[in-house]
Amino acid sequence: MPARDLYHNNVKNALIKDKWTITHDPLTLKFGKKDLYVDLGAKQLLAAQKTESKIAVEIKSFTERSDVDDL
């Protein structure tokens, strides 16, 4: 399981304040024989449409050199 990012709790609290329900912390995805981890899984009920929106949130602070920091 990956380490939590510096801003993990800040992002989680912001989602909760925006009326998202945290469903997974972390969200585990299976890809063949590998397990992939996304920092948060969340859902939000859209009352007008009576449907749910679901998101996966990857949190990065880039406080140190990273393979993806140029993105």
PDB file of N, CA and C in Angstrom:
ATOM      1  N   MET A   1       0.837  -1.169   0.000  1.00  0.00           N
ATOM      2  CA  MET A   1       0.000   0.000   0.000  1.00  0.00           C
ATOM      3  C   MET A   1       0.894   1.249   0.000  1.00  0.00           C
ATOM      4  N   PRO A   2       0.586   2.222  -0.856  1.00  0.00           N
ATOM      5  CA  PRO A   2       1.424   3.419  -0.959  1.00  0.00           C
ATOM      6  C   PRO A   2       1.276   4.336   0.246  1.00  0.00           C
ATOM      7  N   ALA A   3       2.286   5.160   0.456  1.00  0.00           N
ATOM      8  CA  ALA A   3       2.241   6.146   1.536  1.00  0.00           C
ATOM      9  C   ALA A   3       1.273   7.269   1.177  1.00  0.00           C
ATOM     10  N   ARG A   4       0.708   7.882   2.180  1.00  0.00           N
ATOM     11  CA  ARG A   4      -0.203   8.997   1.938  1.00  0.00           C
ATOM     12  C   ARG A   4       0.572  10.260   1.621  1.00  0.00           C
ATOM     13  N   ASP A   5       0.029  11.022   0.713  1.00  0.00           N
ATOM     14  CA  ASP A   5       0.618  12.283   0.310  1.00  0.00           C
ATOM     15  C   ASP A   5       0.444  13.326   1.417  1.00  0.00           C
ATOM     16  N   LEU A   6       1.278  14.328   1.399  1.00  0.00           N
ATOM     17  CA  LEU A   6       1.259  15.397   2.383  1.00  0.00           C
ATOM     18  C   LEU A   6      -0.121  16.054   2.508  1.00  0.00           C
ATOM     19  N   TYR A   7      -0.835  16.189   1.412  1.00  0.00           N
ATOM     20  CA  TYR A   7      -2.119  16.902   1.400  1.00  0.00           C
ATOM     21  C   TYR A   7      -3.332  15.972   1.393  1.00  0.00           C
ATOM     22  N   HIS A   8      -3.132  14.705   1.693  1.00  0.00           N
ATOM     23  CA  HIS A   8      -4.206  13.708   1.633  1.00  0.00           C
ATOM     24  C   HIS A   8      -5.439  14.146   2.435  1.00  0.00           C
ATOM     25  N   ASN A   9      -5.252  14.467   3.701  1.00  0.00           N
ATOM     26  CA  ASN A   9      -6.391  14.828   4.547  1.00  0.00           C
ATOM     27  C   ASN A   9      -7.044  16.129   4.114  1.00  0.00           C
ATOM     28  N   ASN A  10      -6.264  17.080   3.603  1.00  0.00           N
ATOM     29  CA  ASN A  10      -6.837  18.344   3.114  1.00  0.00           C
ATOM     30  C   ASN A  10      -7.770  18.088   1.934  1.00  0.00           C
ATOM     31  N   VAL A  11      -7.339  17.258   0.994  1.00  0.00           N
ATOM     32  CA  VAL A  11      -8.161  16.946  -0.186  1.00  0.00           C
ATOM     33  C   VAL A  11      -9.402  16.172   0.237  1.00  0.00           C
ATOM     34  N   LYS A  12      -9.224  15.206   1.125  1.00  0.00           N
ATOM     35  CA  LYS A  12     -10.351  14.414   1.615  1.00  0.00           C
ATOM     36  C   LYS A  12     -11.391  15.313   2.290  1.00  0.00           C
ATOM     37  N   ASN A  13     -10.949  16.222   3.155  1.00  0.00           N
ATOM     38  CA  ASN A  13     -11.874  17.130   3.835  1.00  0.00           C
ATOM     39  C   ASN A  13     -12.565  18.075   2.856  1.00  0.00           C
ATOM     40  N   ALA A  14     -11.858  18.523   1.834  1.00  0.00           N
ATOM     41  CA  ALA A  14     -12.462  19.390   0.819  1.00  0.00           C
ATOM     42  C   ALA A  14     -13.564  18.656   0.055  1.00  0.00           C
ATOM     43  N   LEU A  15     -13.332  17.401  -0.278  1.00  0.00           N
ATOM     44  CA  LEU A  15     -14.365  16.609  -0.960  1.00  0.00           C
ATOM     45  C   LEU A  15     -15.591  16.426  -0.076  1.00  0.00           C
ATOM     46  N   ILE A  16     -15.368  16.139   1.193  1.00  0.00           N
ATOM     47  CA  ILE A  16     -16.483  15.954   2.128  1.00  0.00           C
ATOM     48  C   ILE A  16     -17.282  17.256   2.262  1.00  0.00           C
ATOM     49  N   LYS A  17     -16.608  18.392   2.364  1.00  0.00           N
ATOM     50  CA  LYS A  17     -17.295  19.683   2.460  1.00  0.00           C
ATOM     51  C   LYS A  17     -18.090  19.996   1.201  1.00  0.00           C
ATOM     52  N   ASP A  18     -17.646  19.439   0.060  1.00  0.00           N
ATOM     53  CA  ASP A  18     -18.349  19.647  -1.213  1.00  0.00           C
ATOM     54  C   ASP A  18     -19.424  18.580  -1.431  1.00  0.00           C
ATOM     55  N   LYS A  19     -19.769  17.877  -0.353  1.00  0.00           N
ATOM     56  CA  LYS A  19     -20.846  16.878  -0.332  1.00  0.00           C
ATOM     57  C   LYS A  19     -20.527  15.588  -1.098  1.00  0.00           C
ATOM     58  N   TRP A  20     -19.243  15.230  -1.196  1.00  0.00           N
ATOM     59  CA  TRP A  20     -18.853  13.938  -1.738  1.00  0.00           C
ATOM     60  C   TRP A  20     -18.777  12.950  -0.579  1.00  0.00           C
ATOM     61  N   THR A  21     -19.133  11.712  -0.833  1.00  0.00           N
ATOM     62  CA  THR A  21     -18.993  10.643   0.154  1.00  0.00           C
ATOM     63  C   THR A  21     -17.750   9.842  -0.197  1.00  0.00           C
ATOM     64  N   ILE A  22     -16.822   9.735   0.732  1.00  0.00           N
ATOM     65  CA  ILE A  22     -15.604   8.963   0.500  1.00  0.00           C
ATOM     66  C   ILE A  22     -15.978   7.482   0.599  1.00  0.00           C
ATOM     67  N   THR A  23     -15.764   6.754  -0.463  1.00  0.00           N
ATOM     68  CA  THR A  23     -16.121   5.334  -0.501  1.00  0.00           C
ATOM     69  C   THR A  23     -14.914   4.423  -0.295  1.00  0.00           C
ATOM     70  N   HIS A  24     -13.736   4.886  -0.657  1.00  0.00           N
ATOM     71  CA  HIS A  24     -12.514   4.082  -0.532  1.00  0.00           C
ATOM     72  C   HIS A  24     -11.337   4.984  -0.175  1.00  0.00           C
ATOM     73  N   ASP A  25     -10.516   4.514   0.748  1.00  0.00           N
ATOM     74  CA  ASP A  25      -9.337   5.273   1.164  1.00  0.00           C
ATOM     75  C   ASP A  25      -8.241   4.293   1.570  1.00  0.00           C
ATOM     76  N   PRO A  26      -7.491   3.770   0.629  1.00  0.00           N
ATOM     77  CA  PRO A  26      -7.393   4.035  -0.809  1.00  0.00           C
ATOM     78  C   PRO A  26      -8.351   3.155  -1.624  1.00  0.00           C
ATOM     79  N   LEU A  27      -8.509   3.517  -2.875  1.00  0.00           N
ATOM     80  CA  LEU A  27      -9.277   2.741  -3.841  1.00  0.00           C
ATOM     81  C   LEU A  27      -8.329   1.758  -4.514  1.00  0.00           C
ATOM     82  N   THR A  28      -8.659   0.471  -4.445  1.00  0.00           N
ATOM     83  CA  THR A  28      -7.824  -0.563  -5.061  1.00  0.00           C
ATOM     84  C   THR A  28      -8.428  -0.971  -6.397  1.00  0.00           C
ATOM     85  N   LEU A  29      -7.630  -0.946  -7.442  1.00  0.00           N
ATOM     86  CA  LEU A  29      -8.053  -1.375  -8.772  1.00  0.00           C
ATOM     87  C   LEU A  29      -7.235  -2.594  -9.161  1.00  0.00           C
ATOM     88  N   LYS A  30      -7.882  -3.594  -9.700  1.00  0.00           N
ATOM     89  CA  LYS A  30      -7.184  -4.790 -10.170  1.00  0.00           C
ATOM     90  C   LYS A  30      -6.914  -4.637 -11.660  1.00  0.00           C
ATOM     91  N   PHE A  31      -5.684  -4.867 -12.054  1.00  0.00           N
ATOM     92  CA  PHE A  31      -5.292  -4.809 -13.463  1.00  0.00           C
ATOM     93  C   PHE A  31      -4.487  -6.065 -13.740  1.00  0.00           C
ATOM     94  N   GLY A  32      -5.156  -7.091 -14.263  1.00  0.00           N
ATOM     95  CA  GLY A  32      -4.494  -8.376 -14.439  1.00  0.00           C
ATOM     96  C   GLY A  32      -4.125  -8.945 -13.091  1.00  0.00           C
ATOM     97  N   LYS A  33      -2.853  -9.246 -12.912  1.00  0.00           N
ATOM     98  CA  LYS A  33      -2.381  -9.788 -11.640  1.00  0.00           C
ATOM     99  C   LYS A  33      -1.877  -8.710 -10.692  1.00  0.00           C
ATOM    100  N   LYS A  34      -1.959  -7.454 -11.106  1.00  0.00           N
ATOM    101  CA  LYS A  34      -1.458  -6.353 -10.294  1.00  0.00           C
ATOM    102  C   LYS A  34      -2.595  -5.626  -9.584  1.00  0.00           C
ATOM    103  N   ASP A  35      -2.286  -5.121  -8.406  1.00  0.00           N
ATOM    104  CA  ASP A  35      -3.188  -4.232  -7.694  1.00  0.00           C
ATOM    105  C   ASP A  35      -2.655  -2.817  -7.856  1.00  0.00           C
ATOM    106  N   LEU A  36      -3.519  -1.913  -8.266  1.00  0.00           N
ATOM    107  CA  LEU A  36      -3.169  -0.501  -8.386  1.00  0.00           C
ATOM    108  C   LEU A  36      -3.933   0.266  -7.319  1.00  0.00           C
ATOM    109  N   TYR A  37      -3.304   1.286  -6.769  1.00  0.00           N
ATOM    110  CA  TYR A  37      -3.930   2.056  -5.710  1.00  0.00           C
ATOM    111  C   TYR A  37      -4.120   3.507  -6.147  1.00  0.00           C
ATOM    112  N   VAL A  38      -5.328   4.003  -5.952  1.00  0.00           N
ATOM    113  CA  VAL A  38      -5.654   5.407  -6.164  1.00  0.00           C
ATOM    114  C   VAL A  38      -5.966   5.961  -4.776  1.00  0.00           C
ATOM    115  N   ASP A  39      -5.545   7.174  -4.488  1.00  0.00           N
ATOM    116  CA  ASP A  39      -5.644   7.712  -3.126  1.00  0.00           C
ATOM    117  C   ASP A  39      -7.058   7.686  -2.548  1.00  0.00           C
ATOM    118  N   LEU A  40      -8.039   8.128  -3.316  1.00  0.00           N
ATOM    119  CA  LEU A  40      -9.409   8.190  -2.807  1.00  0.00           C
ATOM    120  C   LEU A  40     -10.411   7.781  -3.874  1.00  0.00           C
ATOM    121  N   GLY A  41     -11.475   7.150  -3.436  1.00  0.00           N
ATOM    122  CA  GLY A  41     -12.646   6.913  -4.264  1.00  0.00           C
ATOM    123  C   GLY A  41     -13.799   7.655  -3.609  1.00  0.00           C
ATOM    124  N   ALA A  42     -14.649   8.312  -4.391  1.00  0.00           N
ATOM    125  CA  ALA A  42     -15.754   9.072  -3.813  1.00  0.00           C
ATOM    126  C   ALA A  42     -16.965   9.032  -4.740  1.00  0.00           C
ATOM    127  N   LYS A  43     -18.130   9.301  -4.156  1.00  0.00           N
ATOM    128  CA  LYS A  43     -19.352   9.374  -4.954  1.00  0.00           C
ATOM    129  C   LYS A  43     -20.195  10.530  -4.443  1.00  0.00           C
ATOM    130  N   GLN A  44     -21.062  11.012  -5.323  1.00  0.00           N
ATOM    131  CA  GLN A  44     -21.954  12.119  -4.980  1.00  0.00           C
ATOM    132  C   GLN A  44     -23.292  11.875  -5.649  1.00  0.00           C
ATOM    133  N   LEU A  45     -24.360  11.991  -4.868  1.00  0.00           N
ATOM    134  CA  LEU A  45     -25.703  11.822  -5.405  1.00  0.00           C
ATOM    135  C   LEU A  45     -26.150  13.118  -6.061  1.00  0.00           C
ATOM    136  N   LEU A  46     -26.577  13.020  -7.307  1.00  0.00           N
ATOM    137  CA  LEU A  46     -27.118  14.171  -8.026  1.00  0.00           C
ATOM    138  C   LEU A  46     -28.638  14.074  -7.944  1.00  0.00           C
ATOM    139  N   ALA A  47     -29.221  14.807  -7.010  1.00  0.00           N
ATOM    140  CA  ALA A  47     -30.645  14.681  -6.706  1.00  0.00           C
ATOM    141  C   ALA A  47     -31.544  14.987  -7.895  1.00  0.00           C
ATOM    142  N   ALA A  48     -31.192  15.982  -8.689  1.00  0.00           N
ATOM    143  CA  ALA A  48     -32.042  16.376  -9.820  1.00  0.00           C
ATOM    144  C   ALA A  48     -32.155  15.256 -10.843  1.00  0.00           C
ATOM    145  N   GLN A  49     -31.070  14.488 -11.005  1.00  0.00           N
ATOM    146  CA  GLN A  49     -31.069  13.423 -11.997  1.00  0.00           C
ATOM    147  C   GLN A  49     -31.271  12.047 -11.375  1.00  0.00           C
ATOM    148  N   LYS A  50     -31.249  11.975 -10.042  1.00  0.00           N
ATOM    149  CA  LYS A  50     -31.348  10.709  -9.311  1.00  0.00           C
ATOM    150  C   LYS A  50     -30.295   9.717  -9.770  1.00  0.00           C
ATOM    151  N   THR A  51     -29.107  10.215 -10.037  1.00  0.00           N
ATOM    152  CA  THR A  51     -27.977   9.368 -10.430  1.00  0.00           C
ATOM    153  C   THR A  51     -26.795   9.682  -9.527  1.00  0.00           C
ATOM    154  N   GLU A  52     -25.778   8.855  -9.636  1.00  0.00           N
ATOM    155  CA  GLU A  52     -24.567   9.039  -8.852  1.00  0.00           C
ATOM    156  C   GLU A  52     -23.400   9.365  -9.756  1.00  0.00           C
ATOM    157  N   SER A  53     -22.566  10.281  -9.312  1.00  0.00           N
ATOM    158  CA  SER A  53     -21.281  10.519  -9.962  1.00  0.00           C
ATOM    159  C   SER A  53     -20.225   9.851  -9.107  1.00  0.00           C
ATOM    160  N   LYS A  54     -19.272   9.193  -9.745  1.00  0.00           N
ATOM    161  CA  LYS A  54     -18.180   8.554  -9.027  1.00  0.00           C
ATOM    162  C   LYS A  54     -16.858   9.077  -9.574  1.00  0.00           C
ATOM    163  N   ILE A  55     -15.891   9.271  -8.670  1.00  0.00           N
ATOM    164  CA  ILE A  55     -14.572   9.742  -9.081  1.00  0.00           C
ATOM    165  C   ILE A  55     -13.485   8.959  -8.355  1.00  0.00           C
ATOM    166  N   ALA A  56     -12.321   8.914  -8.976  1.00  0.00           N
ATOM    167  CA  ALA A  56     -11.102   8.419  -8.342  1.00  0.00           C
ATOM    168  C   ALA A  56     -10.150   9.601  -8.288  1.00  0.00           C
ATOM    169  N   VAL A  57      -9.566   9.848  -7.113  1.00  0.00           N
ATOM    170  CA  VAL A  57      -8.735  11.034  -6.909  1.00  0.00           C
ATOM    171  C   VAL A  57      -7.316  10.598  -6.564  1.00  0.00           C
ATOM    172  N   GLU A  58      -6.366  11.003  -7.384  1.00  0.00           N
ATOM    173  CA  GLU A  58      -4.942  10.764  -7.120  1.00  0.00           C
ATOM    174  C   GLU A  58      -4.349  12.081  -6.638  1.00  0.00           C
ATOM    175  N   ILE A  59      -3.707  12.050  -5.476  1.00  0.00           N
ATOM    176  CA  ILE A  59      -3.189  13.266  -4.843  1.00  0.00           C
ATOM    177  C   ILE A  59      -1.673  13.291  -4.969  1.00  0.00           C
ATOM    178  N   LYS A  60      -1.145  14.394  -5.474  1.00  0.00           N
ATOM    179  CA  LYS A  60       0.303  14.559  -5.626  1.00  0.00           C
ATOM    180  C   LYS A  60       0.713  15.941  -5.143  1.00  0.00           C
ATOM    181  N   SER A  61       1.775  16.013  -4.353  1.00  0.00           N
ATOM    182  CA  SER A  61       2.249  17.314  -3.888  1.00  0.00           C
ATOM    183  C   SER A  61       3.532  17.741  -4.592  1.00  0.00           C
ATOM    184  N   PHE A  62       4.296  16.806  -5.148  1.00  0.00           N
ATOM    185  CA  PHE A  62       5.545  17.082  -5.861  1.00  0.00           C
ATOM    186  C   PHE A  62       6.531  17.873  -4.996  1.00  0.00           C
ATOM    187  N   THR A  63       6.671  17.454  -3.739  1.00  0.00           N
ATOM    188  CA  THR A  63       7.640  18.092  -2.856  1.00  0.00           C
ATOM    189  C   THR A  63       9.063  17.622  -3.139  1.00  0.00           C
ATOM    190  N   GLU A  64       9.187  16.503  -3.844  1.00  0.00           N
ATOM    191  CA  GLU A  64      10.491  15.966  -4.233  1.00  0.00           C
ATOM    192  C   GLU A  64      10.449  15.618  -5.713  1.00  0.00           C
ATOM    193  N   ARG A  65      11.584  15.335  -6.294  1.00  0.00           N
ATOM    194  CA  ARG A  65      11.688  14.944  -7.704  1.00  0.00           C
ATOM    195  C   ARG A  65      10.834  13.701  -7.958  1.00  0.00           C
ATOM    196  N   SER A  66      10.098  13.717  -9.058  1.00  0.00           N
ATOM    197  CA  SER A  66       9.197  12.620  -9.374  1.00  0.00           C
ATOM    198  C   SER A  66       9.296  12.306 -10.860  1.00  0.00           C
ATOM    199  N   ASP A  67       8.974  11.066 -11.213  1.00  0.00           N
ATOM    200  CA  ASP A  67       8.970  10.660 -12.622  1.00  0.00           C
ATOM    201  C   ASP A  67       7.894  11.393 -13.424  1.00  0.00           C
ATOM    202  N   VAL A  68       6.873  11.881 -12.746  1.00  0.00           N
ATOM    203  CA  VAL A  68       5.776  12.547 -13.445  1.00  0.00           C
ATOM    204  C   VAL A  68       5.704  14.047 -13.170  1.00  0.00           C
ATOM    205  N   ASP A  69       6.725  14.619 -12.571  1.00  0.00           N
ATOM    206  CA  ASP A  69       6.643  16.042 -12.217  1.00  0.00           C
ATOM    207  C   ASP A  69       6.612  16.962 -13.430  1.00  0.00           C
ATOM    208  N   ASP A  70       7.047  16.504 -14.596  1.00  0.00           N
ATOM    209  CA  ASP A  70       7.010  17.336 -15.785  1.00  0.00           C
ATOM    210  C   ASP A  70       5.638  17.407 -16.420  1.00  0.00           C
ATOM    211  N   LEU A  71       4.707  16.572 -15.965  1.00  0.00           N
ATOM    212  CA  LEU A  71       3.357  16.611 -16.511  1.00  0.00           C
ATOM    213  C   LEU A  71       2.671  17.897 -16.110  1.00  0.00           C
TER     214      LEU A  71
END
